[in-house]
Amino acid sequence: MEHVHAKFWHQFLKTRNIEIQEGKFHKFKLFTYKILRTLLGSKLFVTILEMNEVISTESYYRYFHEASLTEKEKLILSKIIEDELEHEKMFSRQKDKFNIENIRDFILGMNDGLVEILGTVTGLSAIYPKSPITVGTAGLVVGVAGALSMAIGAYTSVRSQRQVNEGIKRKMELLFKVSKDRAKEEFLNKLSESGIPEDVGTEIVEKLSNNEDAMTNLLTEEISENEIKSALYTGIAYLVGLVFPVLPYFIITSSSLVALAFSVIFAAIALSIVGIIVSVASESLSIKGKVLEMVATGLGAAALSYLFGTLVQKVFGISA
């Protein structure tokens, strides 16, 4: 298929007397793809490939309408666009095989670790400008406590949602056994609350009146996450996030403010990486916008923390 596409573009350029450079096999590009696949995981890597297909398809579509093509060229290009759309479907099917929940937990944990601990060490740097070890140690202690808190929160959240769904299922099963009409009424109320018109809801209830499992599944969201795995991903990611803002304070022991400068640089780089991952995971093409948003909010929080630390130092007369 790709050979046919390449042949078309080769002939297209040749008829317009455009010089064609001989294609080269990019070993470095292949190596980069392998690294990305290992670091980001299959789901995110497939999403990146899918984004490339989307960009190609949109470019072909614009060219189809804007360029001066012959009827034969338009016919072939329309077939190429169909092939590219089929590629998108293939990547979507591959992507659906991978679970994104753990990626979400890792991103959430790492982002929180970055922003919270950067804010902590920034504020403490204003209070202890000559004691970077003190600032770094305090940031590390707060970070470990934060990681435990985030892990427990993720565990509780997933487990609670699962228990809520199990409770709804048990209630519906009991209603079906005691009063099928009451169960259908409950189901209709839930459909109405979700914004479905009453006449449509009534029709759905009638068609599913004898299918207890279908009605119950529509009322509850299936939770495929494992609460222990979710907690581990979130907690470990938080610890990974705190390394970037804390590390400079254990390397540069002469001045907290010098360490702070490197802390901000490291955190900005890490926030940029998180922004790229978030953008790719959400299938958004605005990577630049997401990166700017992540860096601006993270460094903005750090700036406010520094101002607060300066205020605390002056009010309480703390010096170190």
Protein backbone atom coordinates (compact mmCIF):
# COMPACT_ATOMS: atom_id res chain seq x y z
CA MET A 1 0.00 0.00 0.00
CA GLU A 2 2.71 2.49 0.98
CA HIS A 3 4.65 1.55 -2.16
CA VAL A 4 1.63 2.54 -4.28
CA HIS A 5 1.40 5.87 -2.44
CA ALA A 6 5.11 6.58 -2.95
CA LYS A 7 4.85 5.69 -6.63
CA PHE A 8 1.98 8.18 -7.09
CA TRP A 9 3.89 11.04 -5.45
CA HIS A 10 7.03 10.16 -7.41
CA GLN A 11 5.12 10.38 -10.68
CA PHE A 12 3.27 13.49 -9.50
CA LEU A 13 6.52 15.38 -8.83
CA LYS A 14 8.20 14.04 -11.95
CA THR A 15 5.45 15.37 -14.27
CA ARG A 16 5.91 18.81 -12.70
CA ASN A 17 9.69 18.76 -13.19
CA ILE A 18 10.37 18.81 -9.45
CA GLU A 19 13.69 17.27 -8.43
CA ILE A 20 13.28 14.14 -6.34
CA GLN A 21 15.90 13.29 -3.76
CA GLU A 22 16.71 9.66 -3.22
CA GLY A 23 15.14 8.35 -0.04
CA LYS A 24 17.39 7.14 2.75
CA PHE A 25 16.83 4.64 5.51
CA HIS A 26 17.05 6.58 8.77
CA LYS A 27 18.59 4.27 11.36
CA PHE A 28 18.56 7.05 13.94
CA LYS A 29 14.82 7.59 13.44
CA LEU A 30 14.19 3.86 13.87
CA PHE A 31 16.34 3.86 17.01
CA THR A 32 14.40 6.88 18.35
CA TYR A 33 11.10 5.11 17.75
CA LYS A 34 12.34 2.06 19.66
CA ILE A 35 13.39 4.25 22.59
CA LEU A 36 10.03 6.07 22.59
CA ARG A 37 8.17 2.77 22.48
CA THR A 38 10.15 1.54 25.50
CA LEU A 39 9.85 4.76 27.53
CA LEU A 40 6.26 5.73 26.74
CA GLY A 41 4.72 2.29 26.44
CA SER A 42 2.66 0.83 23.61
CA LYS A 43 -0.44 2.96 24.14
CA LEU A 44 1.26 6.35 23.91
CA PHE A 45 3.53 5.25 21.08
CA VAL A 46 0.58 4.01 19.02
CA THR A 47 -1.13 7.34 19.69
CA ILE A 48 1.93 9.20 18.33
CA LEU A 49 1.81 7.09 15.16
CA GLU A 50 -1.92 7.77 14.89
CA MET A 51 -1.29 11.53 15.17
CA ASN A 52 1.10 11.30 12.21
CA GLU A 53 -1.60 9.56 10.20
CA VAL A 54 -4.11 12.29 11.08
CA ILE A 55 -1.69 15.03 10.00
CA SER A 56 -0.96 13.24 6.71
CA THR A 57 -4.64 12.72 5.97
CA GLU A 58 -5.49 16.37 6.64
CA SER A 59 -2.63 17.53 4.39
CA TYR A 60 -3.78 15.25 1.57
CA TYR A 61 -7.36 16.48 1.96
CA ARG A 62 -6.32 20.15 1.74
CA TYR A 63 -4.17 19.40 -1.29
CA PHE A 64 -7.05 17.52 -2.92
CA HIS A 65 -9.21 20.67 -2.79
CA GLU A 66 -6.60 23.37 -3.27
CA ALA A 67 -4.15 21.99 -5.80
CA SER A 68 -4.60 21.92 -9.56
CA LEU A 69 -4.89 18.18 -10.09
CA THR A 70 -6.04 16.21 -13.07
CA GLU A 71 -9.13 14.03 -12.72
CA LYS A 72 -6.95 10.93 -12.68
CA GLU A 73 -4.74 12.40 -9.94
CA LYS A 74 -7.78 13.35 -7.89
CA LEU A 75 -9.11 9.81 -8.19
CA ILE A 76 -5.82 8.29 -7.03
CA LEU A 77 -5.41 10.84 -4.22
CA SER A 78 -8.94 10.14 -2.96
CA LYS A 79 -7.99 6.45 -2.76
CA ILE A 80 -4.82 7.38 -0.84
CA ILE A 81 -6.92 9.39 1.63
CA GLU A 82 -9.18 6.35 2.11
CA ASP A 83 -6.10 4.22 2.80
CA GLU A 84 -4.81 6.73 5.37
CA LEU A 85 -8.19 6.76 7.12
CA GLU A 86 -8.01 2.97 7.24
CA HIS A 87 -4.57 3.31 8.87
CA GLU A 88 -6.12 5.55 11.54
CA LYS A 89 -8.74 2.89 12.26
CA MET A 90 -6.03 0.25 12.56
CA PHE A 91 -4.04 2.36 15.03
CA SER A 92 -7.23 3.07 17.01
CA ARG A 93 -7.92 -0.65 17.30
CA GLN A 94 -4.37 -1.27 18.51
CA LYS A 95 -4.61 1.59 20.99
CA ASP A 96 -7.85 0.24 22.48
CA LYS A 97 -5.98 -2.90 23.54
CA PHE A 98 -3.90 -0.92 26.05
CA ASN A 99 -5.07 0.40 29.38
CA ILE A 100 -4.66 4.16 29.83
CA GLU A 101 -5.64 4.31 33.52
CA ASN A 102 -2.13 3.56 34.79
CA ILE A 103 -0.67 6.16 32.42
CA ARG A 104 -3.14 8.65 33.88
CA ASP A 105 -2.11 7.73 37.43
CA PHE A 106 1.58 8.14 36.59
CA ILE A 107 1.05 11.53 34.94
CA LEU A 108 -1.11 12.74 37.83
CA GLY A 109 1.40 11.59 40.44
CA MET A 110 4.47 12.96 38.66
CA ASN A 111 2.83 16.32 37.98
CA ASP A 112 1.76 16.68 41.61
CA GLY A 113 5.22 15.72 42.83
CA LEU A 114 6.84 18.28 40.54
CA VAL A 115 4.54 21.21 41.28
CA GLU A 116 4.05 20.65 45.02
CA ILE A 117 7.69 20.00 45.87
CA LEU A 118 8.92 22.78 43.59
CA GLY A 119 6.61 25.11 45.49
CA THR A 120 7.88 23.73 48.80
CA VAL A 121 11.60 24.14 48.08
CA THR A 122 11.03 27.53 46.45
CA GLY A 123 9.26 28.87 49.52
CA LEU A 124 11.85 27.39 51.86
CA SER A 125 14.69 28.83 49.75
CA ALA A 126 13.42 32.31 50.58
CA ILE A 127 13.46 31.44 54.30
CA TYR A 128 16.78 29.53 54.33
CA PRO A 129 18.88 31.10 51.54
CA LYS A 130 22.15 29.79 53.00
CA SER A 131 21.03 26.28 53.98
CA PRO A 132 20.32 24.27 50.80
CA ILE A 133 20.70 20.95 52.64
CA THR A 134 17.95 22.01 55.05
CA VAL A 135 15.71 22.98 52.14
CA GLY A 136 16.44 19.76 50.26
CA THR A 137 15.84 17.58 53.32
CA ALA A 138 12.57 19.34 54.09
CA GLY A 139 11.47 18.94 50.47
CA LEU A 140 12.36 15.26 50.58
CA VAL A 141 10.38 14.68 53.80
CA VAL A 142 7.36 16.54 52.44
CA GLY A 143 7.71 14.62 49.17
CA VAL A 144 7.71 11.18 50.79
CA ALA A 145 4.68 12.14 52.88
CA GLY A 146 2.99 13.48 49.74
CA ALA A 147 3.74 10.28 47.81
CA LEU A 148 2.16 8.18 50.56
CA SER A 149 -0.84 10.49 50.66
CA MET A 150 -1.30 10.36 46.88
CA ALA A 151 -0.94 6.57 46.81
CA ILE A 152 -3.52 6.14 49.58
CA GLY A 153 -5.83 8.59 47.81
CA ALA A 154 -5.58 6.69 44.51
CA TYR A 155 -6.20 3.37 46.29
CA THR A 156 -9.23 4.74 48.14
CA SER A 157 -10.66 6.40 45.03
CA VAL A 158 -10.55 3.30 42.82
CA ARG A 159 -11.73 0.98 45.60
CA SER A 160 -14.59 3.31 46.59
CA GLN A 161 -15.82 3.58 42.99
CA ARG A 162 -15.74 -0.19 42.67
CA GLN A 163 -17.71 -0.58 45.91
CA VAL A 164 -20.29 2.00 44.78
CA ASN A 165 -20.82 0.09 41.52
CA GLU A 166 -21.09 -3.21 43.37
CA GLY A 167 -23.70 -1.64 45.66
CA ILE A 168 -25.76 -0.44 42.68
CA LYS A 169 -25.57 -3.89 41.08
CA ARG A 170 -26.71 -5.62 44.27
CA LYS A 171 -29.58 -3.14 44.62
CA MET A 172 -30.73 -3.73 41.04
CA GLU A 173 -30.46 -7.50 41.41
CA LEU A 174 -32.59 -7.34 44.55
CA LEU A 175 -35.15 -5.08 42.86
CA PHE A 176 -35.44 -7.46 39.90
CA LYS A 177 -36.11 -10.36 42.25
CA VAL A 178 -38.64 -8.48 44.40
CA SER A 179 -40.33 -6.17 41.88
CA LYS A 180 -39.39 -6.01 38.22
CA ASP A 181 -41.67 -2.99 37.69
CA ARG A 182 -39.91 -1.10 40.47
CA ALA A 183 -36.54 -1.98 38.94
CA LYS A 184 -37.66 -0.66 35.54
CA GLU A 185 -38.90 2.53 37.18
CA GLU A 186 -35.53 3.00 38.89
CA PHE A 187 -33.75 2.40 35.61
CA LEU A 188 -35.98 4.94 33.82
CA ASN A 189 -35.24 7.55 36.51
CA LYS A 190 -31.50 7.05 36.04
CA LEU A 191 -31.85 7.46 32.28
CA SER A 192 -33.83 10.68 32.77
CA GLU A 193 -31.17 12.04 35.16
CA SER A 194 -28.52 11.44 32.49
CA GLY A 195 -30.42 13.67 30.05
CA ILE A 196 -32.20 11.04 27.94
CA PRO A 197 -35.74 12.15 26.92
CA GLU A 198 -38.53 10.30 28.71
CA ASP A 199 -40.03 8.78 25.55
CA VAL A 200 -36.63 7.45 24.46
CA GLY A 201 -35.93 6.18 27.99
CA THR A 202 -39.29 4.39 28.11
CA GLU A 203 -38.53 2.69 24.79
CA ILE A 204 -35.11 1.57 26.06
CA VAL A 205 -36.64 0.20 29.27
CA GLU A 206 -39.27 -1.77 27.34
CA LYS A 207 -36.69 -3.30 25.01
CA LEU A 208 -34.39 -4.24 27.91
CA SER A 209 -37.13 -5.22 30.35
CA ASN A 210 -36.10 -8.88 30.38
CA ASN A 211 -32.35 -8.28 30.24
CA GLU A 212 -31.29 -7.68 33.83
CA ASP A 213 -27.55 -7.66 33.08
CA ALA A 214 -27.84 -5.06 30.31
CA MET A 215 -29.87 -2.70 32.49
CA THR A 216 -27.46 -3.07 35.40
CA ASN A 217 -24.39 -2.52 33.20
CA LEU A 218 -25.89 0.68 31.79
CA LEU A 219 -26.29 2.02 35.33
CA THR A 220 -22.74 1.30 36.41
CA GLU A 221 -19.35 2.12 34.97
CA GLU A 222 -17.06 -0.88 34.70
CA ILE A 223 -13.91 -0.37 36.78
CA SER A 224 -11.03 -2.30 35.22
CA GLU A 225 -8.36 -0.63 37.35
CA ASN A 226 -6.56 -2.46 40.11
CA GLU A 227 -6.48 -0.26 43.21
CA ILE A 228 -3.09 -1.58 44.37
CA LYS A 229 -1.50 -1.02 40.96
CA SER A 230 -3.07 2.44 40.75
CA ALA A 231 -1.67 3.34 44.18
CA LEU A 232 1.82 2.11 43.24
CA TYR A 233 1.86 4.01 39.94
CA THR A 234 0.70 7.24 41.59
CA GLY A 235 3.05 7.01 44.57
CA ILE A 236 6.14 6.06 42.56
CA ALA A 237 5.39 8.76 39.99
CA TYR A 238 5.16 11.34 42.78
CA LEU A 239 8.60 10.28 44.00
CA VAL A 240 9.97 10.53 40.46
CA GLY A 241 8.50 14.02 40.18
CA LEU A 242 10.05 15.27 43.42
CA VAL A 243 13.56 14.26 42.33
CA PHE A 244 13.79 17.09 39.78
CA PRO A 245 13.21 20.05 42.14
CA VAL A 246 14.97 18.48 45.17
CA LEU A 247 18.16 17.06 43.64
CA PRO A 248 20.01 20.41 43.11
CA TYR A 249 19.87 21.15 46.86
CA PHE A 250 22.00 18.10 47.62
CA ILE A 251 24.49 18.89 44.84
CA ILE A 252 24.88 22.67 45.26
CA THR A 253 25.47 23.11 48.98
CA SER A 254 26.73 26.71 48.95
CA SER A 255 23.50 28.63 48.32
CA SER A 256 19.81 27.76 48.28
CA LEU A 257 19.17 30.45 45.68
CA VAL A 258 21.70 28.96 43.25
CA ALA A 259 20.21 25.53 43.86
CA LEU A 260 16.77 27.05 43.29
CA ALA A 261 17.79 28.26 39.83
CA PHE A 262 18.77 24.73 38.81
CA SER A 263 15.69 23.33 40.53
CA VAL A 264 13.46 25.58 38.40
CA ILE A 265 15.31 24.57 35.21
CA PHE A 266 15.05 20.84 35.99
CA ALA A 267 11.38 21.18 36.93
CA ALA A 268 10.62 23.15 33.74
CA ILE A 269 12.20 20.40 31.63
CA ALA A 270 10.26 17.70 33.50
CA LEU A 271 6.99 19.67 33.24
CA SER A 272 7.58 20.00 29.50
CA ILE A 273 7.95 16.23 29.21
CA VAL A 274 4.77 15.70 31.24
CA GLY A 275 2.98 18.23 29.03
CA ILE A 276 4.02 16.35 25.90
CA ILE A 277 2.83 13.04 27.38
CA VAL A 278 -0.51 14.57 28.44
CA SER A 279 -0.99 16.06 24.98
CA VAL A 280 -0.23 12.78 23.24
CA ALA A 281 -2.38 10.72 25.63
CA SER A 282 -5.34 13.05 25.09
CA GLU A 283 -4.77 12.88 21.30
CA SER A 284 -4.46 16.65 21.15
CA LEU A 285 -2.27 18.16 18.43
CA SER A 286 -1.55 21.29 20.48
CA ILE A 287 1.58 19.97 22.16
CA LYS A 288 3.15 23.43 22.35
CA GLY A 289 0.09 24.89 24.08
CA LYS A 290 -0.02 22.08 26.65
CA VAL A 291 3.69 22.37 27.40
CA LEU A 292 3.40 26.14 27.90
CA GLU A 293 0.39 25.63 30.16
CA MET A 294 2.16 23.04 32.33
CA VAL A 295 5.36 25.08 32.65
CA ALA A 296 3.53 28.37 33.29
CA THR A 297 1.29 26.93 36.01
CA GLY A 298 4.15 25.05 37.69
CA LEU A 299 6.55 27.98 37.71
CA GLY A 300 3.72 30.36 38.63
CA ALA A 301 3.00 28.28 41.72
CA ALA A 302 6.72 28.32 42.54
CA ALA A 303 6.86 32.13 42.23
CA LEU A 304 3.91 32.55 44.59
CA SER A 305 5.55 30.14 47.04
CA TYR A 306 8.76 32.18 46.96
CA LEU A 307 6.83 35.38 47.69
CA PHE A 308 5.05 33.67 50.58
CA GLY A 309 8.37 32.36 51.93
CA THR A 310 9.84 35.86 51.76
CA LEU A 311 6.81 37.20 53.63
CA VAL A 312 7.15 34.55 56.34
CA GLN A 313 10.85 35.33 56.72
CA LYS A 314 10.20 39.04 57.21
CA VAL A 315 7.17 38.63 59.50
CA PHE A 316 8.81 36.09 61.82
CA GLY A 317 12.38 37.30 61.42
CA ILE A 318 13.70 33.88 60.41
CA SER A 319 17.26 33.78 59.09
CA ALA A 320 19.58 30.93 58.29
